[in-house]
Amino acid sequence: MRVRRLVPLLLAVAVLVAGCGGEEPGGGGGAGADTTLDVRLVLEPTSLDITTVAGVALPQLLLDNVYQGLLTRDSHGTIAPLLAERSDTSADGLTYTFRLRDGLTFADGSPLTSADVVWSYRNVIAPGSKNPNRADFAAVSDISAPDAETVVITLRQRDANFTYGLTNRAGVVLKRGTDPATLADTTNGSGPFVVRSWQRGSSITLARNEHYWGEPAQLATVVLHYIPDTTAANNAQLTGETDVMTGPEATLLAPFQDNPDFTVAEGVTSDKFALGINNSRGALADARVRHAIRQAIDKDGLIRVAQAGKGQRIGSAVAPTDPWFDPSLTAIDPYDPPAARALLAQAGYAGGLDLNLVVPNIYNSVIGEYVASQLGQVGIRVRFEPVEFPTWLDRVYTKADYDLSIVDHAEARDIATYANPAYYWRYSDMQVQEWAAQAATAPSDGERDELYRKVARKISEDAASDWLFTSSGLVVLRKGVTGFPTRETNSRLDLARVSATPAQ
């Protein structure tokens, strides 16, 4: 039975997911074995190759659902065993031994053994690896398999973030010998779902994995509709074309609020809407100009206008969900247009300057327009350039061909990107790199967190970027949908325990 509201079809557009919120809102009980759920998402992946293609769209779609690792984490960041039933760590923190569960299989029915883990992880650390999360394995010196059920990972130095890194895409286990050329269009993971079909530009359909080694998924099918346009997404939810809408426009929620047919859930996320500044580019290499940019933007006003007040200022590249979050950093570079103009004059730009602002068109255009307007009021003339997300990945993320850019950095605990001078904001500071390296090898979580707090403060004091806000996680569910994740769903969307009853 296909779960959809019994109303006329008004739209024939595809949809995407970007939601968040509390845990498991909505009413209703279990679901029949043939139930299909239609979900709106925002960002469609450009490929199914989780081993080489950057961006959160792939982890959101594939992690936990199609591909799995030795470990996983829940929406609160708690690490738990997955393919491994248990693990042991040596006293010096350099050797991790994992015991695999019995009966593990891939979606094609073949057994998953320690040899598959070793093959997959050696590919991550191999010279020339293009895995976007290869840095999670930077400390790994060797992976071995003493027997079919045991994996031993040896580190060259202690890594306080290693087990967390195993829960990311670097930790995914593929079938040994998988041809990398096939990964862009096909999957063969060990998760509760398989990718049944992909209508590019429209939707991706997940189907229950009939060879799954664990508890079967509640839903037979999940259709993920990629609908970037917020008005179209609202209409799809209202007409019953979708059962769940993630990433709704906060200013357009009125039809769902106080409506008995829907639940609007709100929660916390790791999303950080950052104004990326190319530190290597002309005037932007001058810290005074970067500070002027930060002081020219009223973040509270932006949150009111673009987010209907549903957001929070953060002051650095750390979300409230990260252990090293420091709310005091919002005091750095407060909104002060006269001070911004004075800094520009000191830097030799009393007459203003011209910059481009390159932004993926999947985001609310009000955000970019607001920032451009604010900067214009202090003499910075901004050319606002909305682009397709693949264009942004190539031009900004890969080539750093931009002045300013706005993007949602949804990944949790990603502050170490500021220790990478090659990252797209081209920020380089030896002290930050030293602290980040020390944090990675810290003997305790407390010492690690304190070092990352220092990094967070330093990059803010240097105006390496600007951080506009962290968004509230919003998701709209029709009555009868239960178990849908409502925290951190922009970067991870575990659908195995979701269920739904037919719409009335």
Protein backbone atom coordinates (compact mmCIF):
# COMPACT_ATOMS: atom_id res chain seq x y z
CA MET A 1 0.00 0.00 0.00
CA ARG A 2 1.39 3.39 -0.93
CA VAL A 3 1.02 5.88 1.92
CA ARG A 4 -0.33 9.14 0.52
CA ARG A 5 -3.22 11.45 1.25
CA LEU A 6 -6.40 10.90 -0.77
CA VAL A 7 -6.50 14.29 -2.44
CA PRO A 8 -5.98 15.46 -6.04
CA LEU A 9 -2.43 15.44 -7.35
CA LEU A 10 -1.38 19.05 -7.80
CA LEU A 11 2.33 18.63 -8.32
CA ALA A 12 4.55 16.37 -10.36
CA VAL A 13 7.88 17.60 -9.10
CA ALA A 14 10.59 15.69 -7.31
CA VAL A 15 11.52 16.34 -3.71
CA LEU A 16 14.53 16.22 -1.25
CA VAL A 17 15.23 15.91 2.50
CA ALA A 18 17.01 18.21 4.95
CA GLY A 19 15.14 17.83 8.23
CA CYS A 20 15.66 17.79 11.96
CA GLY A 21 13.68 18.14 15.20
CA GLY A 22 12.93 16.09 18.35
CA GLU A 23 12.74 12.30 18.40
CA GLU A 24 9.94 10.25 16.86
CA PRO A 25 7.03 12.73 16.74
CA GLY A 26 3.76 11.95 15.01
CA GLY A 27 0.92 9.59 15.75
CA GLY A 28 -0.11 6.12 14.67
CA GLY A 29 1.08 2.60 15.15
CA GLY A 30 2.96 0.10 13.07
CA ALA A 31 3.02 -0.30 9.31
CA GLY A 32 2.08 -3.06 6.92
CA ALA A 33 4.77 -5.02 5.17
CA ASP A 34 4.03 -3.23 1.88
CA THR A 35 4.06 0.36 3.19
CA THR A 36 5.79 3.11 1.23
CA LEU A 37 6.79 6.45 2.72
CA ASP A 38 7.33 9.58 0.61
CA VAL A 39 9.86 12.02 2.02
CA ARG A 40 10.90 15.46 0.82
CA LEU A 41 14.65 16.18 0.88
CA VAL A 42 16.56 19.22 -0.36
CA LEU A 43 19.97 18.25 -1.73
CA GLU A 44 20.17 15.51 -4.34
CA PRO A 45 23.51 13.70 -4.61
CA THR A 46 25.47 13.89 -7.83
CA SER A 47 26.64 10.27 -7.54
CA LEU A 48 26.14 7.23 -5.32
CA ASP A 49 29.89 6.84 -4.78
CA ILE A 50 30.22 7.44 -1.05
CA THR A 51 33.97 6.74 -1.24
CA THR A 52 34.92 9.73 -3.41
CA VAL A 53 32.11 12.30 -3.69
CA ALA A 54 32.03 15.08 -1.09
CA GLY A 55 28.99 16.74 0.48
CA VAL A 56 26.38 15.65 3.02
CA ALA A 57 23.81 14.40 0.51
CA LEU A 58 25.43 10.96 0.28
CA PRO A 59 25.90 10.29 4.01
CA GLN A 60 22.34 11.51 4.58
CA LEU A 61 21.05 9.02 2.03
CA LEU A 62 23.36 6.03 2.40
CA LEU A 63 24.91 5.88 5.89
CA ASP A 64 23.10 3.35 8.11
CA ASN A 65 20.45 2.80 5.42
CA VAL A 66 22.53 1.20 2.65
CA TYR A 67 26.13 1.16 3.89
CA GLN A 68 27.34 0.40 7.40
CA GLY A 69 30.58 0.46 9.36
CA LEU A 70 32.00 -1.28 12.39
CA LEU A 71 30.52 1.45 14.55
CA THR A 72 27.66 3.91 14.25
CA ARG A 73 26.37 6.86 16.26
CA ASP A 74 22.91 8.01 17.24
CA SER A 75 21.44 11.48 16.78
CA HIS A 76 22.96 12.59 20.09
CA GLY A 77 26.47 11.60 18.98
CA THR A 78 26.68 8.47 21.13
CA ILE A 79 28.89 5.83 19.50
CA ALA A 80 27.59 2.25 19.39
CA PRO A 81 28.61 -1.08 17.81
CA LEU A 82 27.11 -1.94 14.42
CA LEU A 83 28.89 -4.53 12.27
CA ALA A 84 31.19 -5.11 15.22
CA GLU A 85 29.53 -6.68 18.23
CA ARG A 86 32.34 -5.58 20.54
CA SER A 87 35.74 -3.91 20.54
CA ASP A 88 38.81 -3.65 22.73
CA THR A 89 41.42 -0.89 22.92
CA SER A 90 44.98 -1.35 24.10
CA ALA A 91 46.19 0.56 27.15
CA ASP A 92 48.31 2.87 24.99
CA GLY A 93 45.36 3.66 22.72
CA LEU A 94 47.17 2.45 19.60
CA THR A 95 45.50 -0.89 18.88
CA TYR A 96 41.78 -1.45 18.32
CA THR A 97 40.43 -4.99 18.03
CA PHE A 98 36.93 -5.53 16.66
CA ARG A 99 34.91 -8.74 16.75
CA LEU A 100 32.32 -8.93 13.96
CA ARG A 101 28.76 -10.10 14.51
CA ASP A 102 27.76 -13.53 13.27
CA GLY A 103 25.82 -13.86 10.03
CA LEU A 104 26.67 -10.53 8.41
CA THR A 105 25.76 -10.28 4.73
CA PHE A 106 25.79 -7.82 1.87
CA ALA A 107 22.63 -7.01 -0.07
CA ASP A 108 23.59 -9.53 -2.77
CA GLY A 109 23.48 -12.28 -0.12
CA SER A 110 27.24 -12.85 0.09
CA PRO A 111 28.85 -13.00 3.55
CA LEU A 112 30.60 -9.97 5.02
CA THR A 113 33.86 -10.91 6.72
CA SER A 114 36.91 -9.26 8.18
CA ALA A 115 38.57 -9.47 4.76
CA ASP A 116 35.98 -7.00 3.41
CA VAL A 117 36.71 -4.61 6.27
CA VAL A 118 40.46 -4.76 5.69
CA TRP A 119 40.06 -4.24 1.93
CA SER A 120 37.70 -1.27 2.43
CA TYR A 121 39.84 0.47 5.05
CA ARG A 122 43.10 -0.06 3.20
CA ASN A 123 41.52 1.74 0.25
CA VAL A 124 40.80 4.73 2.50
CA ILE A 125 44.45 5.07 3.55
CA ALA A 126 45.97 4.12 0.18
CA PRO A 127 48.11 6.70 -1.65
CA GLY A 128 45.87 8.78 -3.88
CA SER A 129 42.73 8.01 -1.88
CA LYS A 130 39.93 10.44 -2.70
CA ASN A 131 37.73 9.53 0.26
CA PRO A 132 36.31 12.84 1.59
CA ASN A 133 36.82 11.56 5.15
CA ARG A 134 40.28 10.07 4.69
CA ALA A 135 41.53 12.43 7.40
CA ASP A 136 39.53 10.34 9.88
CA PHE A 137 42.07 7.56 9.23
CA ALA A 138 45.16 9.78 9.23
CA ALA A 139 46.62 8.00 12.27
CA VAL A 140 46.06 4.47 10.91
CA SER A 141 49.23 2.54 10.12
CA ASP A 142 47.83 -0.95 9.54
CA ILE A 143 44.59 -2.94 9.25
CA SER A 144 44.71 -6.72 9.54
CA ALA A 145 42.40 -9.72 9.91
CA PRO A 146 43.71 -12.52 12.18
CA ASP A 147 40.59 -14.53 11.30
CA ALA A 148 37.27 -14.12 9.45
CA GLU A 149 35.56 -12.49 12.43
CA THR A 150 38.32 -10.25 13.79
CA VAL A 151 39.72 -6.91 12.62
CA VAL A 152 42.77 -5.26 14.18
CA ILE A 153 43.50 -1.60 13.46
CA THR A 154 46.84 -0.19 14.52
CA LEU A 155 47.52 3.54 14.88
CA ARG A 156 50.90 5.24 14.56
CA GLN A 157 49.81 7.75 17.20
CA ARG A 158 46.90 8.15 19.55
CA ASP A 159 43.76 9.62 17.94
CA ALA A 160 41.10 10.90 20.32
CA ASN A 161 38.62 11.13 17.44
CA PHE A 162 39.25 7.75 15.83
CA THR A 163 36.14 5.87 16.95
CA TYR A 164 34.01 8.87 16.03
CA GLY A 165 35.69 8.86 12.62
CA LEU A 166 34.75 5.20 12.19
CA THR A 167 31.09 6.24 12.29
CA ASN A 168 31.59 8.48 9.25
CA ARG A 169 31.86 7.48 5.60
CA ALA A 170 35.51 6.40 5.94
CA GLY A 171 34.24 3.57 8.14
CA VAL A 172 31.88 2.14 5.51
CA VAL A 173 32.50 -1.50 4.61
CA LEU A 174 32.29 -2.48 0.94
CA LYS A 175 32.47 -5.94 -0.58
CA ARG A 176 36.08 -6.90 -1.26
CA GLY A 177 36.98 -6.43 -4.90
CA THR A 178 34.14 -4.04 -5.71
CA ASP A 179 34.93 -2.21 -8.95
CA PRO A 180 35.18 1.50 -8.04
CA ALA A 181 33.74 2.38 -11.47
CA THR A 182 30.40 0.80 -10.46
CA LEU A 183 29.91 2.81 -7.28
CA ALA A 184 28.54 5.93 -8.97
CA ASP A 185 25.36 4.16 -10.07
CA THR A 186 25.01 0.97 -8.00
CA THR A 187 25.26 -0.06 -4.35
CA ASN A 188 25.86 -3.30 -2.50
CA GLY A 189 25.96 -2.50 1.18
CA SER A 190 25.07 -4.36 4.35
CA GLY A 191 22.31 -1.99 5.52
CA PRO A 192 18.54 -2.52 5.88
CA PHE A 193 17.77 -0.87 2.51
CA VAL A 194 18.98 -1.10 -1.08
CA VAL A 195 18.82 1.59 -3.74
CA ARG A 196 16.10 0.35 -6.07
CA SER A 197 16.07 3.24 -8.54
CA TRP A 198 17.23 6.79 -9.16
CA GLN A 199 15.28 9.21 -11.32
CA ARG A 200 17.90 11.91 -11.62
CA GLY A 201 16.60 15.36 -10.86
CA SER A 202 13.57 13.87 -9.14
CA SER A 203 13.81 11.03 -6.63
CA ILE A 204 15.71 8.06 -5.23
CA THR A 205 13.81 4.98 -4.11
CA LEU A 206 15.04 2.77 -1.28
CA ALA A 207 13.62 -0.74 -0.87
CA ARG A 208 13.84 -3.11 2.07
CA ASN A 209 16.97 -5.31 1.88
CA GLU A 210 15.60 -8.86 1.83
CA HIS A 211 19.04 -10.23 2.74
CA TYR A 212 19.55 -7.95 5.73
CA TRP A 213 21.40 -9.61 8.60
CA GLY A 214 19.56 -7.68 11.32
CA GLU A 215 16.00 -6.68 12.12
CA PRO A 216 14.21 -5.86 8.85
CA ALA A 217 13.20 -2.29 8.08
CA GLN A 218 9.65 -1.37 9.05
CA LEU A 219 8.94 0.19 5.66
CA ALA A 220 8.97 -1.73 2.40
CA THR A 221 9.90 1.33 0.37
CA VAL A 222 11.02 4.91 0.96
CA VAL A 223 10.83 7.39 -1.91
CA LEU A 224 13.10 10.37 -1.33
CA HIS A 225 11.82 13.27 -3.41
CA TYR A 226 14.31 16.04 -4.03
CA ILE A 227 12.36 19.31 -4.05
CA PRO A 228 14.62 22.34 -3.57
CA ASP A 229 11.82 24.89 -4.03
CA THR A 230 10.21 25.53 -0.64
CA THR A 231 6.79 26.50 -2.01
CA ALA A 232 6.66 23.37 -4.14
CA ALA A 233 7.68 21.32 -1.11
CA ASN A 234 4.89 22.86 0.98
CA ASN A 235 2.36 22.03 -1.73
CA ALA A 236 3.62 18.46 -1.99
CA GLN A 237 3.15 17.98 1.75
CA LEU A 238 -0.28 19.61 1.82
CA THR A 239 -1.59 17.57 -1.11
CA GLY A 240 -0.28 14.27 0.19
CA GLU A 241 2.44 13.74 -2.38
CA THR A 242 4.86 13.55 0.55
CA ASP A 243 4.31 12.22 4.03
CA VAL A 244 7.35 13.93 5.54
CA MET A 245 8.90 17.28 4.68
CA THR A 246 12.38 17.93 5.95
CA GLY A 247 14.02 21.33 5.73
CA PRO A 248 10.81 23.36 5.52
CA GLU A 249 10.99 27.11 5.14
CA ALA A 250 10.48 28.42 8.68
CA THR A 251 8.50 31.41 7.38
CA LEU A 252 6.05 29.13 5.51
CA LEU A 253 4.91 26.80 8.31
CA ALA A 254 1.52 28.39 8.99
CA PRO A 255 -0.54 25.76 7.06
CA PHE A 256 0.89 22.99 9.25
CA GLN A 257 0.80 24.65 12.65
CA ASP A 258 -2.26 23.94 14.79
CA ASN A 259 -3.34 21.50 12.09
CA PRO A 260 -4.42 18.09 13.46
CA ASP A 261 -3.25 16.37 10.27
CA PHE A 262 0.39 17.36 10.82
CA THR A 263 3.11 17.58 13.44
CA VAL A 264 5.82 20.23 13.20
CA ALA A 265 8.87 19.01 15.12
CA GLU A 266 11.79 21.22 16.06
CA GLY A 267 15.17 20.10 17.36
CA VAL A 268 18.87 20.84 17.38
CA THR A 269 21.28 20.35 14.52
CA SER A 270 24.97 20.56 13.75
CA ASP A 271 24.16 22.80 10.77
CA LYS A 272 26.36 25.89 10.61
CA PHE A 273 25.48 28.45 7.95
CA ALA A 274 28.89 29.90 7.26
CA LEU A 275 29.91 32.91 5.23
CA GLY A 276 33.07 31.52 3.71
CA ILE A 277 35.78 34.11 3.10
CA ASN A 278 38.62 33.35 0.70
CA ASN A 279 41.56 34.34 2.91
CA SER A 280 44.00 34.20 0.00
CA ARG A 281 42.08 36.55 -2.29
CA GLY A 282 43.08 40.20 -2.70
CA ALA A 283 41.60 42.48 -0.07
CA LEU A 284 40.30 39.48 1.89
CA ALA A 285 43.86 38.54 2.86
CA ASP A 286 43.71 41.59 5.16
CA ALA A 287 42.19 40.64 8.52
CA ARG A 288 40.78 44.16 8.88
CA VAL A 289 38.60 43.63 5.83
CA ARG A 290 37.41 40.27 7.13
CA HIS A 291 36.54 41.76 10.52
CA ALA A 292 34.69 44.58 8.74
CA ILE A 293 32.61 42.01 6.86
CA ARG A 294 31.67 40.29 10.10
CA GLN A 295 30.78 43.52 11.87
CA ALA A 296 28.62 44.67 8.96
CA ILE A 297 26.13 41.81 9.27
CA ASP A 298 23.30 41.81 11.82
CA LYS A 299 22.95 38.08 12.51
CA ASP A 300 19.97 38.51 14.82
CA GLY A 301 18.20 40.38 12.06
CA LEU A 302 19.07 37.66 9.57
CA ILE A 303 17.66 34.97 11.86
CA ARG A 304 14.41 36.94 12.18
CA VAL A 305 14.06 37.63 8.46
CA ALA A 306 15.24 34.35 6.96
CA GLN A 307 14.50 31.86 9.75
CA ALA A 308 11.43 33.33 11.43
CA GLY A 309 13.53 33.50 14.59
CA LYS A 310 14.27 29.77 14.52
CA GLY A 311 18.04 29.80 14.73
CA GLN A 312 20.95 30.68 16.99
CA ARG A 313 24.12 32.76 16.69
CA ILE A 314 27.28 30.70 17.23
CA GLY A 315 30.37 32.93 16.80
CA SER A 316 32.65 30.24 15.34
CA ALA A 317 32.64 26.96 13.42
CA VAL A 318 31.11 25.01 16.29
CA ALA A 319 27.46 24.01 16.68
CA PRO A 320 25.78 23.70 20.09
CA THR A 321 25.80 19.92 19.55
CA ASP A 322 29.61 19.78 19.59
CA PRO A 323 31.37 19.14 22.94
CA TRP A 324 33.60 22.22 22.56
CA PHE A 325 30.82 24.75 21.88
CA ASP A 326 31.51 28.14 23.49
CA PRO A 327 28.57 30.60 23.41
CA SER A 328 30.80 33.49 24.50
CA LEU A 329 32.36 33.68 21.02
CA THR A 330 29.34 35.59 19.71
CA ALA A 331 30.84 38.64 21.47
CA ILE A 332 33.66 38.72 18.90
CA ASP A 333 32.94 41.11 16.01
CA PRO A 334 29.48 42.29 17.14
CA TYR A 335 27.21 44.09 14.68
CA ASP A 336 28.69 47.58 14.31
CA PRO A 337 28.46 49.22 10.85
CA PRO A 338 30.43 52.38 11.82
CA ALA A 339 33.29 50.19 13.11
CA ALA A 340 33.13 48.15 9.91
CA ARG A 341 33.46 51.28 7.76
CA ALA A 342 36.38 52.48 9.90
CA LEU A 343 38.20 49.15 9.45
CA LEU A 344 37.71 49.31 5.70
CA ALA A 345 39.16 52.83 5.66
CA GLN A 346 42.17 51.70 7.71
CA ALA A 347 42.75 48.90 5.21
CA GLY A 348 42.70 51.40 2.32
CA TYR A 349 39.14 50.79 1.15
CA ALA A 350 37.39 53.97 2.27
CA GLY A 351 35.75 54.06 -1.15
CA GLY A 352 34.54 50.50 -0.74
CA LEU A 353 35.40 47.37 -2.71
CA ASP A 354 33.75 44.87 -5.04
CA LEU A 355 33.30 41.20 -4.12
CA ASN A 356 31.33 38.27 -5.45
CA LEU A 357 29.11 36.07 -3.29
CA VAL A 358 28.68 32.57 -4.72
CA VAL A 359 25.86 30.58 -3.09
CA PRO A 360 24.24 27.23 -3.97
CA ASN A 361 20.70 27.88 -5.15
CA ILE A 362 19.29 25.19 -2.86
CA TYR A 363 19.20 27.70 0.00
CA ASN A 364 16.65 30.39 0.76
CA SER A 365 17.74 33.29 -1.44
CA VAL A 366 16.80 35.72 1.32
CA ILE A 367 19.98 34.71 3.19
CA GLY A 368 22.33 35.75 0.39
CA GLU A 369 20.31 38.84 -0.48
CA TYR A 370 20.30 39.97 3.15
CA VAL A 371 24.07 39.53 3.50
CA ALA A 372 24.70 41.39 0.23
CA SER A 373 22.46 44.23 1.36
CA GLN A 374 24.14 44.52 4.75
CA LEU A 375 27.60 44.61 3.21
CA GLY A 376 26.45 47.22 0.73
CA GLN A 377 25.53 49.52 3.58
CA VAL A 378 29.20 49.75 4.62
CA GLY A 379 30.52 50.19 1.08
CA ILE A 380 31.16 46.60 0.03
CA ARG A 381 29.51 46.15 -3.36
CA VAL A 382 28.48 42.52 -3.67
CA ARG A 383 27.64 40.62 -6.84
CA PHE A 384 25.28 37.87 -5.65
CA GLU A 385 25.69 34.70 -7.75
CA PRO A 386 23.30 31.79 -7.07
CA VAL A 387 24.64 28.60 -8.71
CA GLU A 388 23.72 24.93 -8.98
CA PHE A 389 25.25 22.84 -6.20
CA PRO A 390 27.53 20.82 -8.54
CA THR A 391 28.86 24.14 -9.84
CA TRP A 392 29.50 25.28 -6.28
CA LEU A 393 31.39 22.05 -5.54
CA ASP A 394 33.64 22.55 -8.55
CA ARG A 395 34.13 26.30 -8.45
CA VAL A 396 34.21 27.05 -4.72
CA TYR A 397 34.91 23.82 -2.81
CA THR A 398 37.44 22.40 -5.28
CA LYS A 399 39.02 25.42 -6.98
CA ALA A 400 38.44 28.20 -4.40
CA ASP A 401 37.42 30.51 -7.24
CA TYR A 402 35.34 32.94 -5.20
CA ASP A 403 35.47 35.86 -2.78
CA LEU A 404 32.57 35.07 -0.44
CA SER A 405 30.27 32.06 -0.26
CA ILE A 406 27.42 30.89 1.95
CA VAL A 407 26.90 27.19 2.60
CA ASP A 408 25.43 25.04 5.34
CA HIS A 409 28.23 23.01 6.93
CA ALA A 410 26.03 20.28 8.36
CA GLU A 411 28.77 17.91 9.50
CA ALA A 412 29.27 17.65 13.25
CA ARG A 413 32.70 18.15 14.85
CA ASP A 414 34.33 19.48 11.67
CA ILE A 415 36.36 22.34 13.15
CA ALA A 416 39.62 20.65 12.13
CA THR A 417 38.99 21.81 8.55
CA TYR A 418 40.46 25.14 9.70
CA ALA A 419 43.75 23.36 10.28
CA ASN A 420 43.88 22.49 6.58
CA PRO A 421 45.34 25.39 4.54
CA ALA A 422 44.09 23.76 1.32
CA TYR A 423 40.45 23.85 2.41
CA TYR A 424 38.34 26.19 0.34
CA TRP A 425 38.58 29.21 2.62
CA ARG A 426 42.37 29.04 2.32
CA TYR A 427 42.99 29.92 5.95
CA SER A 428 46.43 29.06 7.30
CA ASP A 429 47.59 29.51 10.90
CA MET A 430 50.39 27.48 12.50
CA GLN A 431 48.97 27.83 16.00
CA VAL A 432 45.58 26.48 14.90
CA GLN A 433 47.29 23.59 13.14
CA GLU A 434 49.32 22.79 16.25
CA TRP A 435 46.31 22.88 18.56
CA ALA A 436 44.26 20.71 16.20
CA ALA A 437 47.08 18.16 16.02
CA GLN A 438 47.38 18.13 19.81
CA ALA A 439 43.62 17.73 20.15
CA ALA A 440 43.65 14.68 17.90
CA THR A 441 46.21 12.94 20.11
CA ALA A 442 44.93 14.21 23.47
CA PRO A 443 44.88 11.58 26.23
CA SER A 444 41.37 12.55 27.37
CA ASP A 445 38.19 14.00 25.91
CA GLY A 446 38.42 16.94 28.29
CA GLU A 447 41.89 17.90 27.08
CA ARG A 448 40.80 17.45 23.47
CA ASP A 449 37.74 19.65 23.97
CA GLU A 450 39.77 22.44 25.58
CA LEU A 451 42.19 22.48 22.64
CA TYR A 452 39.35 22.67 20.15
CA ARG A 453 37.86 25.55 22.15
CA LYS A 454 41.15 27.37 21.62
CA VAL A 455 40.92 26.68 17.90
CA ALA A 456 37.35 27.98 17.83
CA ARG A 457 38.34 31.22 19.53
CA LYS A 458 41.43 31.75 17.38
CA ILE A 459 39.64 31.36 14.05
CA SER A 460 36.97 33.74 15.26
CA GLU A 461 39.54 36.30 16.41
CA ASP A 462 41.21 35.96 13.00
CA ALA A 463 37.86 36.31 11.19
CA ALA A 464 38.77 33.25 9.15
CA SER A 465 35.09 33.07 8.16
CA ASP A 466 31.85 34.46 9.43
CA TRP A 467 29.22 32.22 10.97
CA LEU A 468 25.70 33.46 10.34
CA PHE A 469 23.65 31.05 12.46
CA THR A 470 22.92 27.45 13.29
CA SER A 471 19.46 26.49 12.16
CA SER A 472 16.78 24.79 14.18
CA GLY A 473 15.94 21.34 12.89
CA LEU A 474 12.43 21.44 11.47
CA VAL A 475 10.45 18.55 10.01
CA VAL A 476 6.76 18.30 9.12
CA LEU A 477 5.12 14.87 9.44
CA ARG A 478 1.65 13.85 8.49
CA LYS A 479 -0.44 12.03 11.05
CA GLY A 480 0.44 8.34 11.22
CA VAL A 481 4.20 8.61 10.71
CA THR A 482 6.25 7.46 13.69
CA GLY A 483 9.91 6.96 14.46
CA PHE A 484 11.16 9.47 11.90
CA PRO A 485 14.52 10.90 13.03
CA THR A 486 14.34 14.57 13.88
CA ARG A 487 17.88 15.43 14.97
CA GLU A 488 20.93 15.89 12.74
CA THR A 489 19.00 14.66 9.70
CA ASN A 490 20.84 16.87 7.23
CA SER A 491 23.91 14.68 7.61
CA ARG A 492 22.40 11.35 8.71
CA LEU A 493 18.92 9.91 8.24
CA ASP A 494 18.47 6.42 9.69
CA LEU A 495 15.13 5.17 8.31
CA ALA A 496 15.13 1.56 9.54
CA ARG A 497 12.76 2.11 12.48
CA VAL A 498 10.36 4.50 10.76
CA SER A 499 6.81 3.26 10.32
CA ALA A 500 3.59 4.69 8.93
CA THR A 501 -0.12 3.98 8.77
CA PRO A 502 -2.22 4.96 5.76
CA ALA A 503 -3.43 8.55 5.63
CA GLN A 504 -7.08 9.06 6.43
